[in-house]
Amino acid sequence: MASISTYVKQEEGSRLRSAYQRLKLRQRITQADVAIACGWKNASTFNRLLLGKLALTLESVERLAPVLGVTPEYLSPRLMHATAAATGAALALPVGIVRSVTKGCWGEPFMTELQVHHHTSDPSAFALVFDASCTPPVFGRWVLILEPATAPQAEDWVVVKQAKGKYAYAQVVSVGESSVASLRFEGGDLQDMPLSRCSLVACLMRPAAMRNFRACAEK
């Protein structure tokens, strides 16, 4: 078994702590509660994972993800991408390109012949990239992987449908019990929006991951 670097264990521990803290904001739960839900005898394993002292495994990710209410991809992109590569489970997602932005909003993305491969359980997932002339600073030159069927949580970034054919991006401040999210838009403006109008930015990928599907099919 390959040795996992301290940096990777700490980075995944940070993701795990973030997911655990979000869960604690929604309900009273302890490390022992999580451990029991995962089928572990005590909280020792979960505590070591939180502190980045123990590396996540595919088994621990598959146990923790549903308990914490996050995707396996969120907890460990390392493991899920490796699993997808080995099993062919990654989906080929369509890529749309935003060519223009006006007053913080953009219209429908221009669909392309590009695709990216991503491990997700959301069949409606797709990728979005901004043209270099209008890339929002918060996203740099990254490719956004959007999962519309995955409920966003506090601190997540989302793409918001503001009107027919008009979209914007925002960060989730909080999520209410009535499926309404408080969002912070560019410039600091706060606005409440139904979760049904928000698509989770599940992760970011590098532009090099994009491929022309016609070229791929011809090989």
N, C-alpha and C. Protein backbone atom coordinates (compact mmCIF):
# COMPACT_ATOMS: atom_id res chain seq x y z
N MET A 1 0.86 -1.20 0.00
CA MET A 1 0.00 0.00 0.00
C MET A 1 0.88 1.24 0.00
N ALA A 2 0.59 2.19 -0.87
CA ALA A 2 1.40 3.39 -0.99
C ALA A 2 1.29 4.25 0.27
N SER A 3 2.40 4.88 0.64
CA SER A 3 2.42 5.75 1.81
C SER A 3 1.70 7.06 1.49
N ILE A 4 0.86 7.51 2.41
CA ILE A 4 0.11 8.76 2.23
C ILE A 4 0.85 9.86 2.95
N SER A 5 1.13 10.96 2.26
CA SER A 5 1.90 12.04 2.86
C SER A 5 1.14 12.73 3.99
N THR A 6 1.89 13.34 4.90
CA THR A 6 1.29 14.07 6.01
C THR A 6 0.41 15.20 5.51
N TYR A 7 0.86 15.86 4.44
CA TYR A 7 0.08 16.97 3.87
C TYR A 7 -1.29 16.50 3.42
N VAL A 8 -1.35 15.36 2.72
CA VAL A 8 -2.64 14.84 2.23
C VAL A 8 -3.55 14.48 3.39
N LYS A 9 -2.99 13.83 4.43
CA LYS A 9 -3.80 13.44 5.59
C LYS A 9 -4.35 14.68 6.30
N GLN A 10 -3.54 15.73 6.41
CA GLN A 10 -4.00 16.95 7.07
C GLN A 10 -5.05 17.67 6.23
N GLU A 11 -4.87 17.68 4.91
CA GLU A 11 -5.83 18.34 4.03
C GLU A 11 -7.18 17.63 4.08
N GLU A 12 -7.17 16.30 4.06
CA GLU A 12 -8.41 15.55 4.13
C GLU A 12 -9.03 15.65 5.52
N GLY A 13 -8.17 15.75 6.56
CA GLY A 13 -8.67 15.96 7.91
C GLY A 13 -9.40 17.29 8.02
N SER A 14 -8.89 18.31 7.32
CA SER A 14 -9.52 19.62 7.32
C SER A 14 -10.90 19.56 6.65
N ARG A 15 -11.02 18.82 5.55
CA ARG A 15 -12.30 18.64 4.88
C ARG A 15 -13.29 17.93 5.81
N LEU A 16 -12.78 16.92 6.50
CA LEU A 16 -13.62 16.15 7.41
C LEU A 16 -14.11 17.02 8.57
N ARG A 17 -13.21 17.84 9.12
CA ARG A 17 -13.60 18.72 10.23
C ARG A 17 -14.66 19.72 9.78
N SER A 18 -14.51 20.25 8.57
CA SER A 18 -15.49 21.20 8.05
C SER A 18 -16.86 20.55 7.92
N ALA A 19 -16.91 19.33 7.38
CA ALA A 19 -18.19 18.62 7.24
C ALA A 19 -18.80 18.33 8.60
N TYR A 20 -17.97 17.93 9.56
CA TYR A 20 -18.45 17.63 10.91
C TYR A 20 -19.00 18.87 11.59
N GLN A 21 -18.31 20.00 11.46
CA GLN A 21 -18.77 21.25 12.07
C GLN A 21 -20.10 21.69 11.47
N ARG A 22 -20.27 21.52 10.17
CA ARG A 22 -21.53 21.87 9.53
C ARG A 22 -22.67 21.02 10.07
N LEU A 23 -22.39 19.73 10.26
CA LEU A 23 -23.41 18.84 10.80
C LEU A 23 -23.78 19.25 12.22
N LYS A 24 -22.79 19.66 13.02
CA LYS A 24 -23.05 20.06 14.40
C LYS A 24 -23.90 21.32 14.47
N LEU A 25 -23.83 22.16 13.44
CA LEU A 25 -24.66 23.36 13.41
C LEU A 25 -26.13 23.00 13.19
N ARG A 26 -26.39 21.87 12.55
CA ARG A 26 -27.76 21.47 12.24
C ARG A 26 -28.37 20.57 13.31
N GLN A 27 -27.53 19.84 14.03
CA GLN A 27 -28.06 18.94 15.06
C GLN A 27 -27.00 18.68 16.12
N ARG A 28 -27.47 18.32 17.30
CA ARG A 28 -26.55 18.01 18.40
C ARG A 28 -25.98 16.62 18.17
N ILE A 29 -24.68 16.56 17.91
CA ILE A 29 -24.05 15.28 17.60
C ILE A 29 -22.60 15.31 18.09
N THR A 30 -22.11 14.20 18.54
CA THR A 30 -20.74 14.10 19.05
C THR A 30 -19.92 13.18 18.15
N GLN A 31 -18.62 13.17 18.40
CA GLN A 31 -17.75 12.27 17.66
C GLN A 31 -18.15 10.82 17.90
N ALA A 32 -18.56 10.53 19.11
CA ALA A 32 -19.00 9.17 19.42
C ALA A 32 -20.24 8.79 18.62
N ASP A 33 -21.16 9.74 18.45
CA ASP A 33 -22.37 9.50 17.66
C ASP A 33 -22.01 9.15 16.22
N VAL A 34 -21.07 9.92 15.65
CA VAL A 34 -20.63 9.67 14.27
C VAL A 34 -19.99 8.29 14.17
N ALA A 35 -19.14 7.97 15.14
CA ALA A 35 -18.45 6.68 15.13
C ALA A 35 -19.45 5.53 15.16
N ILE A 36 -20.45 5.63 16.03
CA ILE A 36 -21.47 4.58 16.14
C ILE A 36 -22.24 4.44 14.83
N ALA A 37 -22.60 5.59 14.22
CA ALA A 37 -23.33 5.56 12.95
C ALA A 37 -22.51 4.91 11.84
N CYS A 38 -21.17 5.02 11.96
CA CYS A 38 -20.28 4.42 10.96
C CYS A 38 -19.97 2.95 11.26
N GLY A 39 -20.43 2.47 12.43
CA GLY A 39 -20.19 1.08 12.77
C GLY A 39 -18.88 0.83 13.48
N TRP A 40 -18.26 1.90 14.02
CA TRP A 40 -17.01 1.74 14.77
C TRP A 40 -17.31 1.60 16.25
N LYS A 41 -16.43 0.90 16.97
CA LYS A 41 -16.66 0.63 18.39
C LYS A 41 -16.55 1.88 19.25
N ASN A 42 -15.65 2.81 18.87
CA ASN A 42 -15.48 4.04 19.65
C ASN A 42 -15.07 5.17 18.72
N ALA A 43 -14.84 6.35 19.31
CA ALA A 43 -14.56 7.55 18.50
C ALA A 43 -13.09 7.71 18.15
N SER A 44 -12.25 6.76 18.55
CA SER A 44 -10.81 6.89 18.34
C SER A 44 -10.45 7.06 16.86
N THR A 45 -11.00 6.20 16.01
CA THR A 45 -10.69 6.27 14.58
C THR A 45 -11.14 7.59 13.99
N PHE A 46 -12.37 8.00 14.30
CA PHE A 46 -12.88 9.25 13.76
C PHE A 46 -12.05 10.43 14.25
N ASN A 47 -11.64 10.43 15.50
CA ASN A 47 -10.83 11.51 16.05
C ASN A 47 -9.49 11.61 15.34
N ARG A 48 -8.85 10.48 15.08
CA ARG A 48 -7.55 10.49 14.38
C ARG A 48 -7.70 10.96 12.93
N LEU A 49 -8.84 10.62 12.31
CA LEU A 49 -9.09 11.11 10.96
C LEU A 49 -9.30 12.62 10.96
N LEU A 50 -10.04 13.12 11.94
CA LEU A 50 -10.28 14.56 12.05
C LEU A 50 -8.99 15.34 12.22
N LEU A 51 -8.06 14.77 12.99
CA LEU A 51 -6.80 15.46 13.28
C LEU A 51 -5.76 15.28 12.18
N GLY A 52 -6.10 14.50 11.15
CA GLY A 52 -5.15 14.29 10.07
C GLY A 52 -4.02 13.35 10.44
N LYS A 53 -4.23 12.54 11.48
CA LYS A 53 -3.20 11.58 11.91
C LYS A 53 -3.37 10.23 11.23
N LEU A 54 -4.54 10.01 10.66
CA LEU A 54 -4.85 8.75 9.99
C LEU A 54 -5.40 9.06 8.61
N ALA A 55 -4.94 8.32 7.62
CA ALA A 55 -5.38 8.56 6.25
C ALA A 55 -6.76 7.95 6.01
N LEU A 56 -7.58 8.66 5.27
CA LEU A 56 -8.88 8.12 4.87
C LEU A 56 -8.69 6.93 3.93
N THR A 57 -9.57 5.98 4.03
CA THR A 57 -9.61 4.85 3.11
C THR A 57 -10.95 4.89 2.37
N LEU A 58 -11.05 4.11 1.31
CA LEU A 58 -12.31 4.08 0.57
C LEU A 58 -13.45 3.63 1.48
N GLU A 59 -13.18 2.65 2.35
CA GLU A 59 -14.22 2.16 3.26
C GLU A 59 -14.66 3.25 4.24
N SER A 60 -13.68 3.98 4.83
CA SER A 60 -14.05 5.02 5.79
C SER A 60 -14.79 6.17 5.12
N VAL A 61 -14.41 6.51 3.90
CA VAL A 61 -15.12 7.57 3.17
C VAL A 61 -16.55 7.16 2.88
N GLU A 62 -16.76 5.91 2.46
CA GLU A 62 -18.10 5.44 2.14
C GLU A 62 -18.98 5.36 3.38
N ARG A 63 -18.37 5.17 4.56
CA ARG A 63 -19.14 5.16 5.80
C ARG A 63 -19.44 6.59 6.26
N LEU A 64 -18.44 7.47 6.16
CA LEU A 64 -18.58 8.81 6.71
C LEU A 64 -19.46 9.72 5.87
N ALA A 65 -19.37 9.62 4.55
CA ALA A 65 -20.06 10.57 3.67
C ALA A 65 -21.56 10.65 3.94
N PRO A 66 -22.30 9.54 3.98
CA PRO A 66 -23.74 9.65 4.24
C PRO A 66 -24.07 10.12 5.65
N VAL A 67 -23.22 9.78 6.61
CA VAL A 67 -23.46 10.21 8.00
C VAL A 67 -23.30 11.72 8.12
N LEU A 68 -22.29 12.27 7.44
CA LEU A 68 -22.00 13.71 7.52
C LEU A 68 -22.80 14.51 6.50
N GLY A 69 -23.48 13.83 5.59
CA GLY A 69 -24.31 14.53 4.61
C GLY A 69 -23.52 15.21 3.50
N VAL A 70 -22.38 14.61 3.12
CA VAL A 70 -21.57 15.16 2.04
C VAL A 70 -21.30 14.06 1.03
N THR A 71 -20.70 14.43 -0.10
CA THR A 71 -20.36 13.44 -1.11
C THR A 71 -18.98 12.84 -0.80
N PRO A 72 -18.72 11.61 -1.20
CA PRO A 72 -17.38 11.03 -1.05
C PRO A 72 -16.32 11.89 -1.75
N GLU A 73 -16.71 12.50 -2.88
CA GLU A 73 -15.79 13.36 -3.63
C GLU A 73 -15.33 14.53 -2.77
N TYR A 74 -16.23 15.08 -1.95
CA TYR A 74 -15.86 16.20 -1.09
C TYR A 74 -14.83 15.78 -0.05
N LEU A 75 -15.03 14.63 0.57
CA LEU A 75 -14.12 14.20 1.63
C LEU A 75 -12.74 13.83 1.11
N SER A 76 -12.69 13.15 -0.03
CA SER A 76 -11.38 12.72 -0.54
C SER A 76 -11.39 12.63 -2.06
N PRO A 77 -11.11 13.75 -2.74
CA PRO A 77 -10.97 13.68 -4.20
C PRO A 77 -9.91 12.68 -4.62
N ARG A 78 -8.87 12.55 -3.80
CA ARG A 78 -7.78 11.61 -4.08
C ARG A 78 -8.31 10.19 -4.27
N LEU A 79 -9.08 9.73 -3.31
CA LEU A 79 -9.59 8.37 -3.36
C LEU A 79 -10.65 8.18 -4.44
N MET A 80 -11.55 9.15 -4.56
CA MET A 80 -12.66 8.99 -5.50
C MET A 80 -12.21 9.06 -6.95
N HIS A 81 -11.23 9.92 -7.23
CA HIS A 81 -10.71 9.98 -8.59
C HIS A 81 -9.94 8.71 -8.92
N ALA A 82 -9.21 8.19 -7.92
CA ALA A 82 -8.46 6.95 -8.14
C ALA A 82 -9.43 5.79 -8.37
N THR A 83 -10.52 5.76 -7.61
CA THR A 83 -11.52 4.72 -7.76
C THR A 83 -12.20 4.81 -9.12
N ALA A 84 -12.53 6.04 -9.50
CA ALA A 84 -13.19 6.25 -10.80
C ALA A 84 -12.29 5.80 -11.94
N ALA A 85 -10.99 6.11 -11.82
CA ALA A 85 -10.05 5.73 -12.88
C ALA A 85 -9.92 4.22 -12.97
N ALA A 86 -10.00 3.54 -11.81
CA ALA A 86 -9.82 2.09 -11.80
C ALA A 86 -11.08 1.35 -12.23
N THR A 87 -12.25 1.92 -11.96
CA THR A 87 -13.50 1.22 -12.24
C THR A 87 -14.26 1.75 -13.44
N GLY A 88 -13.83 2.92 -13.95
CA GLY A 88 -14.55 3.54 -15.05
C GLY A 88 -15.86 4.14 -14.61
N ALA A 89 -15.99 4.47 -13.30
CA ALA A 89 -17.26 4.97 -12.76
C ALA A 89 -17.46 6.46 -12.98
N ALA A 90 -16.45 7.15 -13.46
CA ALA A 90 -16.58 8.60 -13.66
C ALA A 90 -17.53 8.89 -14.82
N LEU A 91 -18.33 9.94 -14.66
CA LEU A 91 -19.24 10.36 -15.72
C LEU A 91 -18.55 11.38 -16.61
N ALA A 92 -18.85 11.35 -17.88
CA ALA A 92 -18.36 12.35 -18.81
C ALA A 92 -19.36 13.50 -18.80
N LEU A 93 -18.98 14.62 -18.21
CA LEU A 93 -19.90 15.74 -18.05
C LEU A 93 -19.77 16.72 -19.20
N PRO A 94 -20.90 17.25 -19.69
CA PRO A 94 -20.84 18.29 -20.71
C PRO A 94 -20.30 19.59 -20.13
N VAL A 95 -19.62 20.36 -20.96
CA VAL A 95 -19.02 21.62 -20.53
C VAL A 95 -19.67 22.78 -21.27
N GLY A 96 -20.12 23.77 -20.50
CA GLY A 96 -20.65 25.00 -21.07
C GLY A 96 -19.69 26.14 -20.81
N ILE A 97 -19.61 27.08 -21.74
CA ILE A 97 -18.70 28.22 -21.60
C ILE A 97 -19.51 29.51 -21.53
N VAL A 98 -19.24 30.33 -20.49
CA VAL A 98 -19.87 31.64 -20.36
C VAL A 98 -19.02 32.64 -21.11
N ARG A 99 -19.62 33.30 -22.09
CA ARG A 99 -18.88 34.21 -22.96
C ARG A 99 -18.99 35.67 -22.54
N SER A 100 -20.03 36.01 -21.76
CA SER A 100 -20.19 37.41 -21.37
C SER A 100 -20.89 37.51 -20.02
N VAL A 101 -20.54 38.55 -19.28
CA VAL A 101 -21.14 38.80 -17.97
C VAL A 101 -21.53 40.28 -17.92
N THR A 102 -22.75 40.58 -17.50
CA THR A 102 -23.22 41.96 -17.40
C THR A 102 -23.78 42.21 -16.01
N LYS A 103 -23.20 43.17 -15.29
CA LYS A 103 -23.65 43.54 -13.96
C LYS A 103 -23.77 42.33 -13.03
N GLY A 104 -22.76 41.48 -13.08
CA GLY A 104 -22.72 40.35 -12.18
C GLY A 104 -23.54 39.14 -12.59
N CYS A 105 -24.25 39.23 -13.73
CA CYS A 105 -25.07 38.12 -14.19
C CYS A 105 -24.62 37.66 -15.57
N TRP A 106 -24.94 36.43 -15.90
CA TRP A 106 -24.66 35.95 -17.24
C TRP A 106 -25.86 35.17 -17.75
N GLY A 107 -25.90 34.97 -19.06
CA GLY A 107 -27.01 34.24 -19.65
C GLY A 107 -26.70 32.75 -19.72
N GLU A 108 -27.45 32.03 -20.54
CA GLU A 108 -27.23 30.60 -20.68
C GLU A 108 -25.82 30.35 -21.22
N PRO A 109 -25.11 29.36 -20.67
CA PRO A 109 -23.77 29.05 -21.18
C PRO A 109 -23.84 28.55 -22.62
N PHE A 110 -22.81 28.87 -23.37
CA PHE A 110 -22.68 28.39 -24.74
C PHE A 110 -22.17 26.95 -24.67
N MET A 111 -22.98 25.99 -25.09
CA MET A 111 -22.60 24.59 -25.00
C MET A 111 -21.52 24.26 -26.03
N THR A 112 -20.61 23.41 -25.61
CA THR A 112 -19.44 23.09 -26.43
C THR A 112 -19.36 21.59 -26.72
N GLU A 113 -18.31 21.21 -27.42
CA GLU A 113 -18.05 19.79 -27.68
C GLU A 113 -17.07 19.23 -26.65
N LEU A 114 -16.88 19.97 -25.57
CA LEU A 114 -15.94 19.55 -24.55
C LEU A 114 -16.63 18.71 -23.47
N GLN A 115 -15.84 17.94 -22.76
CA GLN A 115 -16.34 17.17 -21.64
C GLN A 115 -15.22 17.02 -20.60
N VAL A 116 -15.62 16.77 -19.36
CA VAL A 116 -14.67 16.43 -18.32
C VAL A 116 -15.19 15.19 -17.61
N HIS A 117 -14.30 14.35 -17.13
CA HIS A 117 -14.69 13.15 -16.41
C HIS A 117 -14.65 13.43 -14.92
N HIS A 118 -15.74 13.09 -14.24
CA HIS A 118 -15.87 13.41 -12.81
C HIS A 118 -16.69 12.33 -12.12
N HIS A 119 -16.25 11.92 -10.94
CA HIS A 119 -16.96 10.89 -10.18
C HIS A 119 -18.08 11.56 -9.39
N THR A 120 -19.32 11.25 -9.72
CA THR A 120 -20.45 11.86 -9.04
C THR A 120 -21.66 10.93 -9.09
N SER A 121 -22.52 11.05 -8.09
CA SER A 121 -23.76 10.28 -8.09
C SER A 121 -24.93 11.10 -8.63
N ASP A 122 -24.63 12.33 -9.06
CA ASP A 122 -25.66 13.22 -9.58
C ASP A 122 -25.67 13.16 -11.11
N PRO A 123 -26.67 12.49 -11.70
CA PRO A 123 -26.69 12.36 -13.16
C PRO A 123 -26.93 13.68 -13.88
N SER A 124 -27.36 14.72 -13.15
CA SER A 124 -27.60 16.02 -13.77
C SER A 124 -26.37 16.93 -13.70
N ALA A 125 -25.27 16.42 -13.18
CA ALA A 125 -24.06 17.23 -13.02
C ALA A 125 -23.53 17.70 -14.38
N PHE A 126 -22.92 18.88 -14.38
CA PHE A 126 -22.30 19.39 -15.59
C PHE A 126 -21.16 20.33 -15.20
N ALA A 127 -20.39 20.72 -16.18
CA ALA A 127 -19.23 21.59 -15.93
C ALA A 127 -19.45 22.95 -16.57
N LEU A 128 -18.84 23.97 -15.98
CA LEU A 128 -18.99 25.33 -16.47
C LEU A 128 -17.64 26.03 -16.39
N VAL A 129 -17.28 26.72 -17.44
CA VAL A 129 -16.03 27.48 -17.45
C VAL A 129 -16.30 28.85 -18.04
N PHE A 130 -15.62 29.86 -17.50
CA PHE A 130 -15.78 31.22 -18.00
C PHE A 130 -14.72 31.53 -19.04
N ASP A 131 -15.12 32.26 -20.07
CA ASP A 131 -14.16 32.75 -21.05
C ASP A 131 -13.16 33.66 -20.34
N ALA A 132 -11.93 33.66 -20.82
CA ALA A 132 -10.86 34.42 -20.16
C ALA A 132 -11.21 35.89 -19.96
N SER A 133 -12.03 36.46 -20.84
CA SER A 133 -12.35 37.89 -20.78
C SER A 133 -13.35 38.22 -19.67
N CYS A 134 -14.00 37.22 -19.08
CA CYS A 134 -15.03 37.52 -18.08
C CYS A 134 -14.99 36.57 -16.89
N THR A 135 -13.83 36.02 -16.58
CA THR A 135 -13.71 35.07 -15.47
C THR A 135 -13.87 35.78 -14.13
N PRO A 136 -14.81 35.35 -13.27
CA PRO A 136 -14.92 35.93 -11.92
C PRO A 136 -13.65 35.65 -11.12
N PRO A 137 -13.11 36.63 -10.43
CA PRO A 137 -11.87 36.42 -9.66
C PRO A 137 -11.94 35.25 -8.68
N VAL A 138 -13.12 35.04 -8.10
CA VAL A 138 -13.24 33.99 -7.10
C VAL A 138 -12.98 32.59 -7.68
N PHE A 139 -13.21 32.43 -8.97
CA PHE A 139 -13.02 31.13 -9.58
C PHE A 139 -11.75 31.03 -10.43
N GLY A 140 -11.06 32.15 -10.62
CA GLY A 140 -9.84 32.10 -11.41
C GLY A 140 -10.09 31.50 -12.78
N ARG A 141 -9.22 30.61 -13.21
CA ARG A 141 -9.39 29.93 -14.49
C ARG A 141 -9.86 28.49 -14.30
N TRP A 142 -10.50 28.20 -13.18
CA TRP A 142 -10.94 26.84 -12.90
C TRP A 142 -12.18 26.46 -13.69
N VAL A 143 -12.36 25.16 -13.88
CA VAL A 143 -13.60 24.61 -14.41
C VAL A 143 -14.48 24.25 -13.22
N LEU A 144 -15.71 24.77 -13.19
CA LEU A 144 -16.63 24.51 -12.09
C LEU A 144 -17.41 23.23 -12.37
N ILE A 145 -17.44 22.33 -11.41
CA ILE A 145 -18.28 21.14 -11.51
C ILE A 145 -19.54 21.40 -10.69
N LEU A 146 -20.68 21.47 -11.35
CA LEU A 146 -21.94 21.78 -10.69
C LEU A 146 -22.77 20.51 -10.50
N GLU A 147 -23.34 20.36 -9.30
CA GLU A 147 -24.20 19.22 -8.99
C GLU A 147 -25.55 19.75 -8.51
N PRO A 148 -26.48 19.99 -9.41
CA PRO A 148 -27.78 20.58 -9.06
C PRO A 148 -28.59 19.75 -8.06
N ALA A 149 -28.41 18.43 -8.06
CA ALA A 149 -29.21 17.57 -7.18
C ALA A 149 -28.64 17.46 -5.77
N THR A 150 -27.46 18.05 -5.53
CA THR A 150 -26.83 17.99 -4.22
C THR A 150 -27.15 19.26 -3.44
N ALA A 151 -27.71 19.14 -2.25
CA ALA A 151 -28.09 20.31 -1.46
C ALA A 151 -26.86 21.03 -0.93
N PRO A 152 -26.72 22.33 -1.21
CA PRO A 152 -25.59 23.10 -0.68
C PRO A 152 -25.73 23.37 0.81
N GLN A 153 -24.60 23.65 1.46
CA GLN A 153 -24.59 23.95 2.88
C GLN A 153 -23.82 25.25 3.10
N ALA A 154 -23.80 25.72 4.34
CA ALA A 154 -23.11 26.96 4.67
C ALA A 154 -21.66 26.92 4.20
N GLU A 155 -21.21 28.03 3.61
CA GLU A 155 -19.86 28.25 3.10
C GLU A 155 -19.65 27.67 1.70
N ASP A 156 -20.61 26.89 1.19
CA ASP A 156 -20.48 26.39 -0.18
C ASP A 156 -20.69 27.52 -1.18
N TRP A 157 -20.09 27.37 -2.36
CA TRP A 157 -20.37 28.28 -3.47
C TRP A 157 -21.46 27.66 -4.33
N VAL A 158 -22.31 28.49 -4.87
CA VAL A 158 -23.40 28.02 -5.72
C VAL A 158 -23.57 28.93 -6.92
N VAL A 159 -24.13 28.36 -7.98
CA VAL A 159 -24.59 29.13 -9.13
C VAL A 159 -26.09 29.28 -8.97
N VAL A 160 -26.58 30.52 -9.04
CA VAL A 160 -27.96 30.83 -8.73
C VAL A 160 -28.72 31.27 -9.98
N LYS A 161 -29.88 30.67 -10.20
CA LYS A 161 -30.74 31.10 -11.30
C LYS A 161 -31.56 32.28 -10.79
N GLN A 162 -31.25 33.49 -11.29
CA GLN A 162 -31.94 34.69 -10.82
C GLN A 162 -33.22 34.97 -11.60
N ALA A 163 -33.21 34.64 -12.86
CA ALA A 163 -34.38 34.84 -13.72
C ALA A 163 -34.21 33.90 -14.91
N LYS A 164 -35.17 33.90 -15.82
CA LYS A 164 -35.09 33.02 -16.97
C LYS A 164 -33.84 33.34 -17.80
N GLY A 165 -32.95 32.35 -17.87
CA GLY A 165 -31.73 32.52 -18.66
C GLY A 165 -30.68 33.39 -18.02
N LYS A 166 -30.87 33.84 -16.76
CA LYS A 166 -29.92 34.71 -16.08
C LYS A 166 -29.39 34.04 -14.82
N TYR A 167 -28.07 34.01 -14.69
CA TYR A 167 -27.44 33.33 -13.57
C TYR A 167 -26.39 34.22 -12.91
N ALA A 168 -26.05 33.88 -11.68
CA ALA A 168 -24.99 34.57 -10.94
C ALA A 168 -24.37 33.56 -9.98
N TYR A 169 -23.30 33.95 -9.31
CA TYR A 169 -22.68 33.06 -8.33
C TYR A 169 -22.73 33.73 -6.96
N ALA A 170 -22.77 32.91 -5.92
CA ALA A 170 -22.85 33.43 -4.57
C ALA A 170 -22.31 32.39 -3.60
N GLN A 171 -22.07 32.82 -2.36
CA GLN A 171 -21.65 31.90 -1.31
C GLN A 171 -22.78 31.75 -0.31
N VAL A 172 -23.03 30.52 0.12
CA VAL A 172 -24.09 30.26 1.08
C VAL A 172 -23.67 30.71 2.47
N VAL A 173 -24.47 31.55 3.09
CA VAL A 173 -24.21 32.00 4.46
C VAL A 173 -24.86 31.05 5.45
N SER A 174 -26.11 30.68 5.18
CA SER A 174 -26.83 29.75 6.04
C SER A 174 -27.98 29.14 5.25
N VAL A 175 -28.48 28.02 5.76
CA VAL A 175 -29.60 27.34 5.12
C VAL A 175 -30.71 27.19 6.16
N GLY A 176 -31.89 27.70 5.85
CA GLY A 176 -33.02 27.63 6.77
C GLY A 176 -33.77 26.32 6.66
N GLU A 177 -34.68 26.10 7.59
CA GLU A 177 -35.45 24.85 7.62
C GLU A 177 -36.47 24.79 6.49
N SER A 178 -36.83 25.92 5.92
CA SER A 178 -37.83 25.95 4.86
C SER A 178 -37.22 25.88 3.46
N SER A 179 -36.00 25.29 3.39
CA SER A 179 -35.30 25.12 2.10
C SER A 179 -35.02 26.46 1.43
N VAL A 180 -34.73 27.46 2.26
CA VAL A 180 -34.33 28.77 1.75
C VAL A 180 -32.92 29.07 2.25
N ALA A 181 -32.07 29.51 1.36
CA ALA A 181 -30.68 29.78 1.71
C ALA A 181 -30.42 31.29 1.72
N SER A 182 -29.64 31.73 2.69
CA SER A 182 -29.17 33.11 2.71
C SER A 182 -27.86 33.15 1.94
N LEU A 183 -27.82 33.95 0.88
CA LEU A 183 -26.66 33.97 -0.02
C LEU A 183 -25.97 35.32 0.02
N ARG A 184 -24.63 35.29 -0.10
CA ARG A 184 -23.84 36.52 -0.21
C ARG A 184 -23.32 36.62 -1.64
N PHE A 185 -23.81 37.64 -2.35
CA PHE A 185 -23.40 37.84 -3.73
C PHE A 185 -22.17 38.74 -3.81
N GLU A 186 -21.62 38.85 -5.01
CA GLU A 186 -20.46 39.72 -5.23
C GLU A 186 -20.80 41.14 -4.77
N GLY A 187 -19.90 41.74 -4.00
CA GLY A 187 -20.14 43.06 -3.45
C GLY A 187 -20.67 43.01 -2.03
N GLY A 188 -20.98 41.81 -1.54
CA GLY A 188 -21.41 41.66 -0.16
C GLY A 188 -22.91 41.68 0.06
N ASP A 189 -23.70 41.83 -1.01
CA ASP A 189 -25.16 41.87 -0.86
C ASP A 189 -25.69 40.52 -0.40
N LEU A 190 -26.59 40.55 0.59
CA LEU A 190 -27.23 39.33 1.10
C LEU A 190 -28.63 39.21 0.53
N GLN A 191 -29.01 38.01 0.17
CA GLN A 191 -30.33 37.78 -0.39
C GLN A 191 -30.77 36.35 -0.11
N ASP A 192 -32.05 36.16 0.21
CA ASP A 192 -32.59 34.83 0.44
C ASP A 192 -33.10 34.25 -0.87
N MET A 193 -32.74 32.98 -1.12
CA MET A 193 -33.15 32.31 -2.35
C MET A 193 -33.57 30.88 -2.03
N PRO A 194 -34.58 30.34 -2.73
CA PRO A 194 -34.93 28.92 -2.56
C PRO A 194 -33.76 28.04 -3.00
N LEU A 195 -33.53 26.96 -2.28
CA LEU A 195 -32.46 26.05 -2.65
C LEU A 195 -32.67 25.46 -4.04
N SER A 196 -33.92 25.40 -4.48
CA SER A 196 -34.22 24.84 -5.79
C SER A 196 -33.60 25.66 -6.92
N ARG A 197 -33.21 26.90 -6.63
CA ARG A 197 -32.61 27.76 -7.65
C ARG A 197 -31.09 27.79 -7.54
N CYS A 198 -30.54 26.98 -6.64
CA CYS A 198 -29.09 26.98 -6.40
C CYS A 198 -28.47 25.66 -6.85
N SER A 199 -27.41 25.73 -7.63
CA SER A 199 -26.66 24.54 -8.03
C SER A 199 -25.31 24.56 -7.34
N LEU A 200 -25.02 23.51 -6.59
CA LEU A 200 -23.79 23.43 -5.82
C LEU A 200 -22.56 23.38 -6.71
N VAL A 201 -21.55 24.22 -6.40
CA VAL A 201 -20.24 24.10 -7.02
C VAL A 201 -19.51 23.01 -6.24
N ALA A 202 -19.57 21.78 -6.74
CA ALA A 202 -19.08 20.62 -5.99
C ALA A 202 -17.56 20.61 -5.87
N CYS A 203 -16.88 20.99 -6.93
CA CYS A 203 -15.41 21.04 -6.89
C CYS A 203 -14.92 21.81 -8.10
N LEU A 204 -13.63 22.08 -8.13
CA LEU A 204 -13.00 22.79 -9.23
C LEU A 204 -11.98 21.86 -9.90
N MET A 205 -11.91 21.95 -11.21
CA MET A 205 -10.94 21.16 -11.96
C MET A 205 -10.13 22.09 -12.84
N ARG A 206 -8.99 21.63 -13.24
CA ARG A 206 -8.13 22.45 -14.11
C ARG A 206 -8.61 22.37 -15.55
N PRO A 207 -8.42 23.45 -16.31
CA PRO A 207 -8.85 23.45 -17.72
C PRO A 207 -8.24 22.31 -18.54
N ALA A 208 -7.08 21.83 -18.11
CA ALA A 208 -6.44 20.73 -18.84
C ALA A 208 -7.26 19.45 -18.82
N ALA A 209 -8.24 19.39 -17.89
CA ALA A 209 -9.08 18.19 -17.79
C ALA A 209 -10.12 18.13 -18.90
N MET A 210 -10.36 19.26 -19.59
CA MET A 210 -11.38 19.29 -20.64
C MET A 210 -10.87 18.59 -21.90
N ARG A 211 -11.76 17.83 -22.51
CA ARG A 211 -11.41 17.10 -23.74
C ARG A 211 -12.51 17.31 -24.77
N ASN A 212 -12.13 17.30 -26.04
CA ASN A 212 -13.11 17.38 -27.12
C ASN A 212 -13.69 15.98 -27.34
N PHE A 213 -15.01 15.83 -27.09
CA PHE A 213 -15.56 14.47 -27.11
C PHE A 213 -15.58 13.87 -28.51
N ARG A 214 -15.63 14.71 -29.54
CA ARG A 214 -15.58 14.15 -30.90
C ARG A 214 -14.21 13.56 -31.18
N ALA A 215 -13.18 14.29 -30.73
CA ALA A 215 -11.83 13.79 -30.92
C ALA A 215 -11.61 12.51 -30.14
N CYS A 216 -12.18 12.46 -28.92
CA CYS A 216 -12.04 11.27 -28.09
C CYS A 216 -12.73 10.08 -28.74
N ALA A 217 -13.90 10.33 -29.35
CA ALA A 217 -14.66 9.25 -29.95
C ALA A 217 -13.98 8.70 -31.19
N GLU A 218 -13.19 9.54 -31.86
CA GLU A 218 -12.55 9.11 -33.09
C GLU A 218 -11.30 8.30 -32.84
N LYS A 219 -10.77 8.34 -31.59
CA LYS A 219 -9.52 7.62 -31.30
C LYS A 219 -9.77 6.11 -31.21
